[in-house]
Amino acid sequence: MFVCLGLGWSADADSLARQTAAMKFDSGRAYEDLRRQVSFGPRPAGSAPLAQCREYILAQLKAA
């Protein structure tokens, strides 16, 4: 039983290591995303710039 648990935890650790490697933070990409969001200007509730920014973020999430 303990061997099975150990193998399960080992497999989870390997999976976590692969996920972590795939999720490395890209500061350049983050800065470009920030620049793009700021380019929409002020985004008060219900405004067109807010809707445009929302669509940009959704498109980026879908592309990831």
PDB file of N, CA and C in Angstrom:
ATOM      1  N   MET A   1       0.817  -1.181   0.000  1.00  0.00           N
ATOM      2  CA  MET A   1       0.000   0.000   0.000  1.00  0.00           C
ATOM      3  C   MET A   1       0.868   1.255   0.000  1.00  0.00           C
ATOM      4  N   PHE A   2       1.909   1.273   0.829  1.00  0.00           N
ATOM      5  CA  PHE A   2       2.780   2.444   0.888  1.00  0.00           C
ATOM      6  C   PHE A   2       3.553   2.630  -0.408  1.00  0.00           C
ATOM      7  N   VAL A   3       3.877   1.522  -1.064  1.00  0.00           N
ATOM      8  CA  VAL A   3       4.572   1.615  -2.350  1.00  0.00           C
ATOM      9  C   VAL A   3       3.671   2.300  -3.369  1.00  0.00           C
ATOM     10  N   CYS A   4       2.407   1.926  -3.391  1.00  0.00           N
ATOM     11  CA  CYS A   4       1.458   2.553  -4.327  1.00  0.00           C
ATOM     12  C   CYS A   4       1.314   4.040  -4.042  1.00  0.00           C
ATOM     13  N   LEU A   5       1.223   4.399  -2.769  1.00  0.00           N
ATOM     14  CA  LEU A   5       1.120   5.813  -2.415  1.00  0.00           C
ATOM     15  C   LEU A   5       2.371   6.570  -2.842  1.00  0.00           C
ATOM     16  N   GLY A   6       3.526   5.961  -2.614  1.00  0.00           N
ATOM     17  CA  GLY A   6       4.785   6.589  -3.002  1.00  0.00           C
ATOM     18  C   GLY A   6       4.867   6.803  -4.498  1.00  0.00           C
ATOM     19  N   LEU A   7       4.426   5.827  -5.264  1.00  0.00           N
ATOM     20  CA  LEU A   7       4.440   5.968  -6.719  1.00  0.00           C
ATOM     21  C   LEU A   7       3.473   7.056  -7.168  1.00  0.00           C
ATOM     22  N   GLY A   8       2.340   7.139  -6.519  1.00  0.00           N
ATOM     23  CA  GLY A   8       1.365   8.177  -6.854  1.00  0.00           C
ATOM     24  C   GLY A   8       1.907   9.560  -6.576  1.00  0.00           C
ATOM     25  N   TRP A   9       2.563   9.728  -5.439  1.00  0.00           N
ATOM     26  CA  TRP A   9       3.138  11.033  -5.109  1.00  0.00           C
ATOM     27  C   TRP A   9       4.276  11.377  -6.048  1.00  0.00           C
ATOM     28  N   SER A  10       5.041  10.377  -6.436  1.00  0.00           N
ATOM     29  CA  SER A  10       6.140  10.603  -7.370  1.00  0.00           C
ATOM     30  C   SER A  10       5.605  11.065  -8.718  1.00  0.00           C
ATOM     31  N   ALA A  11       4.546  10.431  -9.181  1.00  0.00           N
ATOM     32  CA  ALA A  11       3.948  10.822 -10.460  1.00  0.00           C
ATOM     33  C   ALA A  11       3.399  12.240 -10.377  1.00  0.00           C
ATOM     34  N   ASP A  12       2.784  12.592  -9.242  1.00  0.00           N
ATOM     35  CA  ASP A  12       2.276  13.950  -9.063  1.00  0.00           C
ATOM     36  C   ASP A  12       3.414  14.957  -9.060  1.00  0.00           C
ATOM     37  N   ALA A  13       4.532  14.623  -8.449  1.00  0.00           N
ATOM     38  CA  ALA A  13       5.677  15.527  -8.412  1.00  0.00           C
ATOM     39  C   ALA A  13       6.227  15.750  -9.816  1.00  0.00           C
ATOM     40  N   ASP A  14       6.292  14.688 -10.621  1.00  0.00           N
ATOM     41  CA  ASP A  14       6.767  14.829 -11.999  1.00  0.00           C
ATOM     42  C   ASP A  14       5.825  15.708 -12.804  1.00  0.00           C
ATOM     43  N   SER A  15       4.542  15.498 -12.625  1.00  0.00           N
ATOM     44  CA  SER A  15       3.544  16.299 -13.334  1.00  0.00           C
ATOM     45  C   SER A  15       3.652  17.765 -12.933  1.00  0.00           C
ATOM     46  N   LEU A  16       3.826  18.019 -11.653  1.00  0.00           N
ATOM     47  CA  LEU A  16       3.962  19.389 -11.161  1.00  0.00           C
ATOM     48  C   LEU A  16       5.220  20.037 -11.722  1.00  0.00           C
ATOM     49  N   ALA A  17       6.306  19.299 -11.811  1.00  0.00           N
ATOM     50  CA  ALA A  17       7.549  19.843 -12.360  1.00  0.00           C
ATOM     51  C   ALA A  17       7.371  20.227 -13.823  1.00  0.00           C
ATOM     52  N   ARG A  18       6.670  19.404 -14.589  1.00  0.00           N
ATOM     53  CA  ARG A  18       6.425  19.724 -16.004  1.00  0.00           C
ATOM     54  C   ARG A  18       5.532  20.951 -16.135  1.00  0.00           C
ATOM     55  N   GLN A  19       4.500  21.039 -15.310  1.00  0.00           N
ATOM     56  CA  GLN A  19       3.602  22.192 -15.363  1.00  0.00           C
ATOM     57  C   GLN A  19       4.340  23.468 -14.986  1.00  0.00           C
ATOM     58  N   THR A  20       5.187  23.398 -13.971  1.00  0.00           N
ATOM     59  CA  THR A  20       5.933  24.569 -13.529  1.00  0.00           C
ATOM     60  C   THR A  20       6.875  25.035 -14.623  1.00  0.00           C
ATOM     61  N   ALA A  21       7.529  24.116 -15.306  1.00  0.00           N
ATOM     62  CA  ALA A  21       8.438  24.481 -16.389  1.00  0.00           C
ATOM     63  C   ALA A  21       7.678  25.145 -17.527  1.00  0.00           C
ATOM     64  N   ALA A  22       6.480  24.691 -17.792  1.00  0.00           N
ATOM     65  CA  ALA A  22       5.682  25.252 -18.880  1.00  0.00           C
ATOM     66  C   ALA A  22       5.111  26.614 -18.518  1.00  0.00           C
ATOM     67  N   MET A  23       5.048  26.944 -17.237  1.00  0.00           N
ATOM     68  CA  MET A  23       4.430  28.184 -16.795  1.00  0.00           C
ATOM     69  C   MET A  23       5.459  29.235 -16.373  1.00  0.00           C
ATOM     70  N   LYS A  24       6.659  29.203 -16.922  1.00  0.00           N
ATOM     71  CA  LYS A  24       7.669  30.188 -16.548  1.00  0.00           C
ATOM     72  C   LYS A  24       7.164  31.588 -16.854  1.00  0.00           C
ATOM     73  N   PHE A  25       7.478  32.514 -15.978  1.00  0.00           N
ATOM     74  CA  PHE A  25       7.033  33.890 -16.126  1.00  0.00           C
ATOM     75  C   PHE A  25       7.897  34.597 -17.159  1.00  0.00           C
ATOM     76  N   ASP A  26       7.252  35.235 -18.121  1.00  0.00           N
ATOM     77  CA  ASP A  26       7.934  35.989 -19.173  1.00  0.00           C
ATOM     78  C   ASP A  26       7.694  37.472 -18.913  1.00  0.00           C
ATOM     79  N   SER A  27       8.678  38.143 -18.347  1.00  0.00           N
ATOM     80  CA  SER A  27       8.499  39.548 -17.982  1.00  0.00           C
ATOM     81  C   SER A  27       8.277  40.429 -19.205  1.00  0.00           C
ATOM     82  N   GLY A  28       8.902  40.105 -20.327  1.00  0.00           N
ATOM     83  CA  GLY A  28       8.704  40.874 -21.553  1.00  0.00           C
ATOM     84  C   GLY A  28       7.272  40.780 -22.041  1.00  0.00           C
ATOM     85  N   ARG A  29       6.741  39.584 -22.005  1.00  0.00           N
ATOM     86  CA  ARG A  29       5.344  39.378 -22.412  1.00  0.00           C
ATOM     87  C   ARG A  29       4.401  40.105 -21.473  1.00  0.00           C
ATOM     88  N   ALA A  30       4.678  40.035 -20.178  1.00  0.00           N
ATOM     89  CA  ALA A  30       3.836  40.716 -19.193  1.00  0.00           C
ATOM     90  C   ALA A  30       3.850  42.223 -19.426  1.00  0.00           C
ATOM     91  N   TYR A  31       5.023  42.765 -19.730  1.00  0.00           N
ATOM     92  CA  TYR A  31       5.127  44.206 -19.968  1.00  0.00           C
ATOM     93  C   TYR A  31       4.350  44.605 -21.215  1.00  0.00           C
ATOM     94  N   GLU A  32       4.433  43.796 -22.264  1.00  0.00           N
ATOM     95  CA  GLU A  32       3.676  44.099 -23.488  1.00  0.00           C
ATOM     96  C   GLU A  32       2.171  44.017 -23.241  1.00  0.00           C
ATOM     97  N   ASP A  33       1.745  43.040 -22.444  1.00  0.00           N
ATOM     98  CA  ASP A  33       0.325  42.952 -22.094  1.00  0.00           C
ATOM     99  C   ASP A  33      -0.108  44.199 -21.324  1.00  0.00           C
ATOM    100  N   LEU A  34       0.726  44.647 -20.403  1.00  0.00           N
ATOM    101  CA  LEU A  34       0.424  45.849 -19.634  1.00  0.00           C
ATOM    102  C   LEU A  34       0.347  47.075 -20.537  1.00  0.00           C
ATOM    103  N   ARG A  35       1.308  47.209 -21.441  1.00  0.00           N
ATOM    104  CA  ARG A  35       1.299  48.346 -22.367  1.00  0.00           C
ATOM    105  C   ARG A  35       0.023  48.352 -23.206  1.00  0.00           C
ATOM    106  N   ARG A  36      -0.371  47.181 -23.658  1.00  0.00           N
ATOM    107  CA  ARG A  36      -1.582  47.083 -24.475  1.00  0.00           C
ATOM    108  C   ARG A  36      -2.817  47.498 -23.672  1.00  0.00           C
ATOM    109  N   GLN A  37      -2.905  47.040 -22.432  1.00  0.00           N
ATOM    110  CA  GLN A  37      -4.058  47.395 -21.603  1.00  0.00           C
ATOM    111  C   GLN A  37      -4.092  48.893 -21.312  1.00  0.00           C
ATOM    112  N   VAL A  38      -2.947  49.485 -21.049  1.00  0.00           N
ATOM    113  CA  VAL A  38      -2.880  50.920 -20.776  1.00  0.00           C
ATOM    114  C   VAL A  38      -3.241  51.715 -22.025  1.00  0.00           C
ATOM    115  N   SER A  39      -2.952  51.171 -23.199  1.00  0.00           N
ATOM    116  CA  SER A  39      -3.230  51.888 -24.446  1.00  0.00           C
ATOM    117  C   SER A  39      -4.727  52.125 -24.664  1.00  0.00           C
ATOM    118  N   PHE A  40      -5.575  51.378 -23.972  1.00  0.00           N
ATOM    119  CA  PHE A  40      -7.016  51.590 -24.091  1.00  0.00           C
ATOM    120  C   PHE A  40      -7.459  52.860 -23.365  1.00  0.00           C
ATOM    121  N   GLY A  41      -6.583  53.415 -22.550  1.00  0.00           N
ATOM    122  CA  GLY A  41      -6.919  54.634 -21.815  1.00  0.00           C
ATOM    123  C   GLY A  41      -7.808  54.331 -20.624  1.00  0.00           C
ATOM    124  N   PRO A  42      -8.430  55.384 -20.081  1.00  0.00           N
ATOM    125  CA  PRO A  42      -9.327  55.169 -18.941  1.00  0.00           C
ATOM    126  C   PRO A  42     -10.447  54.194 -19.319  1.00  0.00           C
ATOM    127  N   ARG A  43     -10.801  53.327 -18.368  1.00  0.00           N
ATOM    128  CA  ARG A  43     -11.797  52.297 -18.653  1.00  0.00           C
ATOM    129  C   ARG A  43     -12.893  52.290 -17.589  1.00  0.00           C
ATOM    130  N   PRO A  44     -13.677  53.377 -17.532  1.00  0.00           N
ATOM    131  CA  PRO A  44     -14.764  53.381 -16.541  1.00  0.00           C
ATOM    132  C   PRO A  44     -15.812  52.313 -16.871  1.00  0.00           C
ATOM    133  N   ALA A  45     -16.547  51.936 -15.863  1.00  0.00           N
ATOM    134  CA  ALA A  45     -17.578  50.901 -16.033  1.00  0.00           C
ATOM    135  C   ALA A  45     -18.527  51.255 -17.169  1.00  0.00           C
ATOM    136  N   GLY A  46     -18.771  50.269 -18.036  1.00  0.00           N
ATOM    137  CA  GLY A  46     -19.713  50.439 -19.135  1.00  0.00           C
ATOM    138  C   GLY A  46     -19.160  51.142 -20.362  1.00  0.00           C
ATOM    139  N   SER A  47     -17.878  51.501 -20.345  1.00  0.00           N
ATOM    140  CA  SER A  47     -17.301  52.253 -21.468  1.00  0.00           C
ATOM    141  C   SER A  47     -16.821  51.328 -22.583  1.00  0.00           C
ATOM    142  N   ALA A  48     -16.677  51.909 -23.779  1.00  0.00           N
ATOM    143  CA  ALA A  48     -16.152  51.152 -24.922  1.00  0.00           C
ATOM    144  C   ALA A  48     -14.711  50.703 -24.672  1.00  0.00           C
ATOM    145  N   PRO A  49     -13.829  51.566 -24.098  1.00  0.00           N
ATOM    146  CA  PRO A  49     -12.466  51.093 -23.830  1.00  0.00           C
ATOM    147  C   PRO A  49     -12.424  49.903 -22.872  1.00  0.00           C
ATOM    148  N   LEU A  50     -13.332  49.871 -21.911  1.00  0.00           N
ATOM    149  CA  LEU A  50     -13.379  48.727 -21.001  1.00  0.00           C
ATOM    150  C   LEU A  50     -13.756  47.460 -21.762  1.00  0.00           C
ATOM    151  N   ALA A  51     -14.723  47.556 -22.651  1.00  0.00           N
ATOM    152  CA  ALA A  51     -15.134  46.402 -23.457  1.00  0.00           C
ATOM    153  C   ALA A  51     -13.995  45.944 -24.359  1.00  0.00           C
ATOM    154  N   GLN A  52     -13.251  46.890 -24.938  1.00  0.00           N
ATOM    155  CA  GLN A  52     -12.120  46.545 -25.803  1.00  0.00           C
ATOM    156  C   GLN A  52     -11.021  45.854 -25.003  1.00  0.00           C
ATOM    157  N   CYS A  53     -10.747  46.365 -23.811  1.00  0.00           N
ATOM    158  CA  CYS A  53      -9.725  45.751 -22.960  1.00  0.00           C
ATOM    159  C   CYS A  53     -10.155  44.345 -22.549  1.00  0.00           C
ATOM    160  N   ARG A  54     -11.417  44.182 -22.209  1.00  0.00           N
ATOM    161  CA  ARG A  54     -11.941  42.868 -21.835  1.00  0.00           C
ATOM    162  C   ARG A  54     -11.775  41.875 -22.985  1.00  0.00           C
ATOM    163  N   GLU A  55     -12.103  42.310 -24.195  1.00  0.00           N
ATOM    164  CA  GLU A  55     -11.969  41.435 -25.361  1.00  0.00           C
ATOM    165  C   GLU A  55     -10.507  41.066 -25.605  1.00  0.00           C
ATOM    166  N   TYR A  56      -9.613  42.026 -25.404  1.00  0.00           N
ATOM    167  CA  TYR A  56      -8.178  41.750 -25.559  1.00  0.00           C
ATOM    168  C   TYR A  56      -7.732  40.675 -24.568  1.00  0.00           C
ATOM    169  N   ILE A  57      -8.115  40.840 -23.312  1.00  0.00           N
ATOM    170  CA  ILE A  57      -7.718  39.877 -22.279  1.00  0.00           C
ATOM    171  C   ILE A  57      -8.302  38.500 -22.583  1.00  0.00           C
ATOM    172  N   LEU A  58      -9.566  38.443 -22.960  1.00  0.00           N
ATOM    173  CA  LEU A  58     -10.183  37.154 -23.295  1.00  0.00           C
ATOM    174  C   LEU A  58      -9.482  36.488 -24.472  1.00  0.00           C
ATOM    175  N   ALA A  59      -9.124  37.273 -25.482  1.00  0.00           N
ATOM    176  CA  ALA A  59      -8.422  36.718 -26.643  1.00  0.00           C
ATOM    177  C   ALA A  59      -7.065  36.154 -26.236  1.00  0.00           C
ATOM    178  N   GLN A  60      -6.363  36.856 -25.346  1.00  0.00           N
ATOM    179  CA  GLN A  60      -5.060  36.378 -24.889  1.00  0.00           C
ATOM    180  C   GLN A  60      -5.197  35.087 -24.091  1.00  0.00           C
ATOM    181  N   LEU A  61      -6.215  35.008 -23.257  1.00  0.00           N
ATOM    182  CA  LEU A  61      -6.432  33.796 -22.470  1.00  0.00           C
ATOM    183  C   LEU A  61      -6.792  32.608 -23.361  1.00  0.00           C
ATOM    184  N   LYS A  62      -7.614  32.850 -24.370  1.00  0.00           N
ATOM    185  CA  LYS A  62      -7.989  31.765 -25.285  1.00  0.00           C
ATOM    186  C   LYS A  62      -6.800  31.293 -26.108  1.00  0.00           C
ATOM    187  N   ALA A  63      -5.891  32.206 -26.434  1.00  0.00           N
ATOM    188  CA  ALA A  63      -4.723  31.858 -27.240  1.00  0.00           C
ATOM    189  C   ALA A  63      -3.668  31.109 -26.429  1.00  0.00           C
ATOM    190  N   ALA A  64      -3.722  31.223 -25.116  1.00  0.00           N
ATOM    191  CA  ALA A  64      -2.700  30.601 -24.251  1.00  0.00           C
ATOM    192  C   ALA A  64      -2.893  29.105 -24.140  1.00  0.00           C
TER     193      ALA A  64
END
